[in-house]
Protein backbone atom coordinates (compact mmCIF):
# COMPACT_ATOMS: atom_id res chain seq x y z
CA UNK A 1 -99.27 -10.76 15.95
CA UNK A 2 -97.89 -10.50 12.77
CA UNK A 3 -94.27 -10.57 11.82
CA UNK A 4 -92.37 -9.20 8.71
CA UNK A 5 -88.74 -9.40 8.26
CA UNK A 6 -86.16 -9.14 5.64
CA UNK A 7 -83.16 -11.45 5.39
CA UNK A 8 -79.84 -10.49 3.15
CA UNK A 9 -77.50 -13.35 2.75
CA UNK A 10 -74.14 -13.61 0.62
CA UNK A 11 -72.91 -17.03 0.17
CA UNK A 12 -69.40 -17.77 -1.17
CA UNK A 13 -66.82 -20.43 -1.58
CA UNK A 14 -64.11 -17.57 -2.67
CA UNK A 15 -63.61 -13.92 -3.03
CA UNK A 16 -63.93 -14.09 -6.45
CA UNK A 17 -67.54 -12.47 -7.87
CA UNK A 18 -68.49 -15.66 -9.67
CA UNK A 19 -68.21 -17.70 -6.58
CA UNK A 20 -70.58 -15.24 -4.67
CA UNK A 21 -74.56 -15.56 -4.48
CA UNK A 22 -76.32 -12.54 -3.18
CA UNK A 23 -80.00 -13.23 -1.88
CA UNK A 24 -82.79 -10.66 -0.23
CA UNK A 25 -85.70 -12.66 1.28
CA UNK A 26 -88.83 -11.16 2.68
CA UNK A 27 -90.64 -13.02 5.11
CA UNK A 28 -94.13 -12.82 6.96
CA UNK A 29 -95.32 -14.96 9.60
CA UNK A 30 -92.17 -17.21 9.16
CA UNK A 31 -93.12 -17.90 5.26
CA UNK A 32 -91.23 -16.52 2.48
CA UNK A 33 -93.27 -14.65 0.25
CA UNK A 34 -90.55 -13.49 -2.15
CA UNK A 35 -86.91 -13.68 -3.06
CA UNK A 36 -84.41 -12.05 -5.01
CA UNK A 37 -81.29 -14.25 -6.00
CA UNK A 38 -78.19 -13.19 -7.92
CA UNK A 39 -78.07 -16.47 -9.78
CA UNK A 40 -81.60 -16.01 -10.98
CA UNK A 41 -81.24 -12.30 -11.68
CA UNK A 42 -84.84 -11.47 -10.70
CA UNK A 43 -87.19 -11.66 -7.88
CA UNK A 44 -89.30 -14.88 -7.50
CA UNK A 45 -92.64 -14.86 -5.69
CA UNK A 46 -93.84 -18.17 -3.33
CA UNK A 47 -97.16 -16.84 -2.45
CA UNK A 48 -99.88 -15.26 -4.50
CA UNK A 49 -98.77 -11.96 -2.79
CA UNK A 50 -95.37 -12.46 -3.62
CA UNK A 51 -95.88 -13.55 -7.20
CA UNK A 52 -97.89 -10.29 -7.83
CA UNK A 53 -95.21 -8.15 -6.15
CA UNK A 54 -92.15 -10.18 -8.03
CA UNK A 55 -93.96 -9.05 -11.27
CA UNK A 56 -94.07 -5.22 -10.27
CA UNK A 57 -90.36 -5.44 -8.89
CA UNK A 58 -89.14 -7.10 -11.89
CA UNK A 59 -90.49 -4.48 -14.17
CA UNK A 60 -89.00 -1.72 -12.09
CA UNK A 61 -85.85 -0.10 -11.07
CA UNK A 62 -85.73 -2.23 -7.89
CA UNK A 63 -84.59 -5.18 -10.00
CA UNK A 64 -81.51 -3.34 -11.45
CA UNK A 65 -80.61 -2.08 -7.93
CA UNK A 66 -80.58 -5.48 -6.56
CA UNK A 67 -78.46 -7.08 -9.39
CA UNK A 68 -75.79 -4.46 -8.41
CA UNK A 69 -75.91 -5.40 -4.70
CA UNK A 70 -73.64 -8.75 -5.44
CA UNK A 71 -70.66 -6.55 -6.25
CA UNK A 72 -71.42 -3.35 -4.04
CA UNK A 73 -72.71 -5.31 -1.04
CA UNK A 74 -71.35 -8.84 -1.18
CA UNK A 75 -67.99 -8.38 -2.73
CA UNK A 76 -66.27 -5.96 -0.28
CA UNK A 77 -67.69 -7.98 2.86
CA UNK A 78 -66.78 -11.26 1.50
CA UNK A 79 -63.05 -9.94 0.82
CA UNK A 80 -63.15 -8.81 4.54
CA UNK A 81 -64.44 -12.23 5.77
CA UNK A 82 -61.89 -14.22 3.70
CA UNK A 83 -58.96 -11.95 4.77
CA UNK A 84 -60.13 -12.24 8.63
CA UNK A 85 -60.42 -15.98 8.18
CA UNK A 86 -57.18 -16.57 6.37
CA UNK A 87 -55.13 -14.57 9.07
CA UNK A 88 -56.59 -16.40 11.98
CA UNK A 89 -55.93 -20.14 10.44
C-alpha cells in the first residue's frame, strides 16, 4: 500500500515570535515531497512532483495562509507549552 501523511511542527527556543519556526511537511511512502518553512517563507519541493506543487502553491493563496500560521498556530501553543514547563520546573 501507499502512505501519505502531513507533519506540522513548531520549533522554538522561547515564546518570542522570532524564536519560533513553523514547518509543514508532506510525505509519501516515507519520503518528504514538499515542505513549507516559515524561515524560508515558501514551499520547497524535494521530488519532481513536489517541485511542481511547490511552484503552484507559491503562486497561490496557500503560501500566504501558511505564512500566517507561525503566529496564529505556533505562537499561542508555544506560550502554553512554555508556561506549563516553567510552572513544573
